[in-house]
């Protein structure tokens, strides 16, 4: 049997699309698609901006000012408590 995504046949996808059209209606689908596209575009832009900010911090040498991870903090807290 040929599968599109490894778990769904073309019939599964056709039924899924039919259910989506019935639930949302054909007039609402373009608006939903635009909203999803805009949301994905904004998410990608924020991720790109974050990566650029991290790269800029590495260039300027302020990478040591980045926040520590929760595990690093908990390890240092345990060391402080053990030394008391």
N, C-alpha and C. Protein backbone atom coordinates (compact mmCIF):
# COMPACT_ATOMS: atom_id res chain seq x y z
N UNK A 1 0.84 -1.18 0.00
CA UNK A 1 0.00 0.00 0.00
C UNK A 1 0.88 1.24 0.00
N UNK A 2 0.58 2.17 -0.85
CA UNK A 2 1.34 3.41 -0.95
C UNK A 2 0.85 4.40 0.10
N UNK A 3 1.79 5.00 0.84
CA UNK A 3 1.41 5.99 1.85
C UNK A 3 2.12 7.30 1.58
N UNK A 4 1.44 8.37 1.88
CA UNK A 4 1.99 9.71 1.64
C UNK A 4 2.96 10.09 2.73
N UNK A 5 2.55 10.00 3.97
CA UNK A 5 3.38 10.45 5.08
C UNK A 5 3.84 9.30 5.97
N UNK A 6 3.61 8.09 5.58
CA UNK A 6 4.02 6.96 6.38
C UNK A 6 2.90 6.46 7.27
N UNK A 7 1.89 7.26 7.52
CA UNK A 7 0.79 6.83 8.38
C UNK A 7 -0.57 7.04 7.75
N UNK A 8 -0.64 7.77 6.63
CA UNK A 8 -1.94 8.08 6.03
C UNK A 8 -1.92 7.75 4.55
N UNK A 9 -3.01 7.16 4.11
CA UNK A 9 -3.17 6.90 2.69
C UNK A 9 -3.82 8.13 2.05
N UNK A 10 -3.85 8.19 0.73
CA UNK A 10 -4.53 9.32 0.09
C UNK A 10 -5.99 9.45 0.51
N UNK A 11 -6.64 8.33 0.80
CA UNK A 11 -8.04 8.38 1.26
C UNK A 11 -8.15 9.05 2.62
N UNK A 12 -7.21 8.76 3.51
CA UNK A 12 -7.21 9.40 4.83
C UNK A 12 -7.08 10.91 4.69
N UNK A 13 -6.18 11.33 3.84
CA UNK A 13 -5.96 12.77 3.64
C UNK A 13 -7.20 13.41 3.02
N UNK A 14 -7.82 12.76 2.05
CA UNK A 14 -9.02 13.31 1.42
C UNK A 14 -10.16 13.45 2.43
N UNK A 15 -10.33 12.45 3.28
CA UNK A 15 -11.37 12.52 4.30
C UNK A 15 -11.06 13.63 5.30
N UNK A 16 -9.81 13.76 5.67
CA UNK A 16 -9.40 14.82 6.60
C UNK A 16 -9.69 16.20 6.01
N UNK A 17 -9.35 16.41 4.76
CA UNK A 17 -9.62 17.69 4.09
C UNK A 17 -11.12 17.95 4.01
N UNK A 18 -11.90 16.93 3.70
CA UNK A 18 -13.35 17.07 3.64
C UNK A 18 -13.93 17.48 4.99
N UNK A 19 -13.44 16.87 6.06
CA UNK A 19 -13.91 17.23 7.40
C UNK A 19 -13.54 18.68 7.74
N UNK A 20 -12.33 19.08 7.38
CA UNK A 20 -11.91 20.47 7.63
C UNK A 20 -12.81 21.45 6.88
N UNK A 21 -13.12 21.16 5.62
CA UNK A 21 -14.00 22.03 4.83
C UNK A 21 -15.39 22.07 5.45
N UNK A 22 -15.89 20.94 5.91
CA UNK A 22 -17.21 20.91 6.52
C UNK A 22 -17.25 21.67 7.84
N UNK A 23 -16.21 21.57 8.63
CA UNK A 23 -16.19 22.24 9.93
C UNK A 23 -16.03 23.74 9.77
N UNK A 24 -15.08 24.19 8.96
CA UNK A 24 -14.79 25.61 8.86
C UNK A 24 -15.50 26.31 7.71
N UNK A 25 -15.91 25.59 6.71
CA UNK A 25 -16.55 26.20 5.55
C UNK A 25 -15.51 26.70 4.56
N UNK A 26 -15.89 26.71 3.29
CA UNK A 26 -14.95 27.08 2.25
C UNK A 26 -14.61 28.57 2.28
N UNK A 27 -15.48 29.41 2.83
CA UNK A 27 -15.19 30.84 2.89
C UNK A 27 -14.19 31.18 4.00
N UNK A 28 -14.17 30.40 5.04
CA UNK A 28 -13.30 30.68 6.18
C UNK A 28 -11.88 30.14 5.98
N UNK A 29 -11.70 29.15 5.12
CA UNK A 29 -10.40 28.51 4.94
C UNK A 29 -9.30 29.47 4.46
N UNK A 30 -9.54 30.35 3.48
CA UNK A 30 -8.47 31.27 3.09
C UNK A 30 -8.03 32.19 4.24
N UNK A 31 -8.97 32.62 5.06
CA UNK A 31 -8.64 33.47 6.20
C UNK A 31 -7.78 32.70 7.22
N UNK A 32 -8.13 31.45 7.46
CA UNK A 32 -7.36 30.61 8.38
C UNK A 32 -5.95 30.40 7.83
N UNK A 33 -5.85 30.15 6.52
CA UNK A 33 -4.54 29.97 5.89
C UNK A 33 -3.68 31.21 6.01
N UNK A 34 -4.28 32.39 5.78
CA UNK A 34 -3.53 33.64 5.92
C UNK A 34 -3.06 33.84 7.35
N UNK A 35 -3.92 33.55 8.31
CA UNK A 35 -3.55 33.70 9.71
C UNK A 35 -2.41 32.77 10.08
N UNK A 36 -2.47 31.52 9.63
CA UNK A 36 -1.39 30.58 9.91
C UNK A 36 -0.09 31.03 9.26
N UNK A 37 -0.17 31.50 8.02
CA UNK A 37 1.02 31.97 7.33
C UNK A 37 1.65 33.17 8.02
N UNK A 38 0.82 34.10 8.46
CA UNK A 38 1.32 35.28 9.16
C UNK A 38 1.96 34.87 10.49
N UNK A 39 1.33 33.98 11.20
CA UNK A 39 1.89 33.52 12.47
C UNK A 39 3.21 32.81 12.29
N UNK A 40 3.31 31.95 11.29
CA UNK A 40 4.56 31.25 11.03
C UNK A 40 5.66 32.23 10.60
N UNK A 41 5.30 33.23 9.79
CA UNK A 41 6.28 34.23 9.35
C UNK A 41 6.81 35.02 10.55
N UNK A 42 5.91 35.45 11.45
CA UNK A 42 6.34 36.20 12.63
C UNK A 42 7.20 35.34 13.55
N UNK A 43 6.86 34.07 13.70
CA UNK A 43 7.66 33.17 14.52
C UNK A 43 9.06 33.02 13.93
N UNK A 44 9.15 32.85 12.62
CA UNK A 44 10.45 32.70 11.97
C UNK A 44 11.28 33.96 12.12
N UNK A 45 10.65 35.13 11.99
CA UNK A 45 11.36 36.40 12.16
C UNK A 45 11.89 36.56 13.59
N UNK A 46 11.10 36.15 14.57
CA UNK A 46 11.55 36.28 15.96
C UNK A 46 12.71 35.33 16.24
N UNK A 47 12.65 34.13 15.69
CA UNK A 47 13.75 33.18 15.88
C UNK A 47 15.02 33.71 15.21
N UNK A 48 14.88 34.25 14.01
CA UNK A 48 16.03 34.81 13.29
C UNK A 48 16.61 35.98 14.07
N UNK A 49 15.76 36.86 14.60
CA UNK A 49 16.24 38.00 15.38
C UNK A 49 16.96 37.54 16.63
N UNK A 50 16.44 36.50 17.26
CA UNK A 50 17.09 35.97 18.47
C UNK A 50 18.47 35.41 18.14
N UNK A 51 18.57 34.66 17.05
CA UNK A 51 19.86 34.11 16.64
C UNK A 51 20.84 35.23 16.29
N UNK A 52 20.36 36.27 15.62
CA UNK A 52 21.24 37.39 15.29
C UNK A 52 21.72 38.09 16.55
N UNK A 53 20.84 38.22 17.55
CA UNK A 53 21.23 38.83 18.81
C UNK A 53 22.29 38.00 19.52
N UNK A 54 22.13 36.68 19.52
CA UNK A 54 23.13 35.81 20.13
C UNK A 54 24.46 35.90 19.39
N UNK A 55 24.42 35.95 18.05
CA UNK A 55 25.64 36.09 17.27
C UNK A 55 26.33 37.41 17.58
N UNK A 56 25.55 38.49 17.71
CA UNK A 56 26.12 39.80 18.01
C UNK A 56 26.75 39.79 19.40
N UNK A 57 26.13 39.11 20.36
CA UNK A 57 26.70 39.04 21.70
C UNK A 57 28.02 38.27 21.69
N UNK A 58 28.10 37.23 20.86
CA UNK A 58 29.35 36.48 20.75
C UNK A 58 30.44 37.33 20.14
N UNK A 59 30.08 38.16 19.17
CA UNK A 59 31.06 39.02 18.50
C UNK A 59 31.58 40.08 19.46
N UNK A 60 30.68 40.68 20.23
CA UNK A 60 31.09 41.75 21.14
C UNK A 60 31.71 41.22 22.43
N UNK A 61 31.66 39.92 22.65
CA UNK A 61 32.28 39.34 23.82
C UNK A 61 31.39 39.33 25.04
N UNK A 62 30.14 39.62 24.88
CA UNK A 62 29.25 39.63 26.04
C UNK A 62 28.50 38.32 26.16
N UNK A 63 29.01 37.27 25.57
CA UNK A 63 28.34 35.97 25.64
C UNK A 63 28.35 35.43 27.06
N UNK A 64 29.31 35.88 27.88
CA UNK A 64 29.34 35.40 29.26
C UNK A 64 28.19 35.95 30.07
N UNK A 65 27.51 36.98 29.58
CA UNK A 65 26.38 37.56 30.29
C UNK A 65 25.07 36.85 29.99
N UNK A 66 25.10 35.83 29.15
CA UNK A 66 23.89 35.09 28.84
C UNK A 66 23.39 34.38 30.09
N UNK A 67 22.09 34.22 30.24
CA UNK A 67 21.57 33.54 31.43
C UNK A 67 22.01 32.09 31.49
N UNK A 68 22.21 31.60 32.70
CA UNK A 68 22.62 30.21 32.86
C UNK A 68 21.39 29.32 32.77
N UNK A 69 21.62 28.07 32.51
CA UNK A 69 20.50 27.13 32.43
C UNK A 69 20.05 26.75 33.83
N UNK A 70 18.89 26.18 33.92
CA UNK A 70 18.34 25.79 35.22
C UNK A 70 19.21 24.75 35.90
N UNK A 71 19.80 23.84 35.13
CA UNK A 71 20.62 22.80 35.74
C UNK A 71 21.90 23.38 36.31
N UNK A 72 22.50 24.35 35.64
CA UNK A 72 23.70 24.98 36.16
C UNK A 72 23.39 25.71 37.46
N UNK A 73 22.28 26.39 37.51
CA UNK A 73 21.90 27.12 38.70
C UNK A 73 21.64 26.16 39.86
N UNK A 74 20.92 25.07 39.59
CA UNK A 74 20.61 24.14 40.67
C UNK A 74 21.87 23.47 41.19
N UNK A 75 22.86 23.19 40.34
CA UNK A 75 24.11 22.58 40.79
C UNK A 75 24.85 23.55 41.68
N UNK A 76 24.93 24.83 41.30
CA UNK A 76 25.64 25.80 42.13
C UNK A 76 24.89 26.04 43.43
N UNK A 77 23.56 26.00 43.42
CA UNK A 77 22.79 26.16 44.64
C UNK A 77 23.06 24.99 45.60
N UNK A 78 23.14 23.78 45.04
CA UNK A 78 23.42 22.63 45.89
C UNK A 78 24.80 22.73 46.50
N UNK A 79 25.77 23.22 45.75
CA UNK A 79 27.12 23.38 46.28
C UNK A 79 27.11 24.38 47.43
N UNK A 80 26.37 25.48 47.28
CA UNK A 80 26.30 26.47 48.33
C UNK A 80 25.65 25.91 49.59
N UNK A 81 24.58 25.15 49.41
CA UNK A 81 23.89 24.57 50.56
C UNK A 81 24.77 23.51 51.26
N UNK A 82 25.52 22.75 50.46
CA UNK A 82 26.37 21.71 51.05
C UNK A 82 27.53 22.31 51.84
N UNK A 83 27.98 23.49 51.45
CA UNK A 83 29.13 24.10 52.14
C UNK A 83 28.73 24.79 53.43
N UNK A 84 27.44 24.98 53.64
CA UNK A 84 27.00 25.69 54.85
C UNK A 84 27.03 24.81 56.03
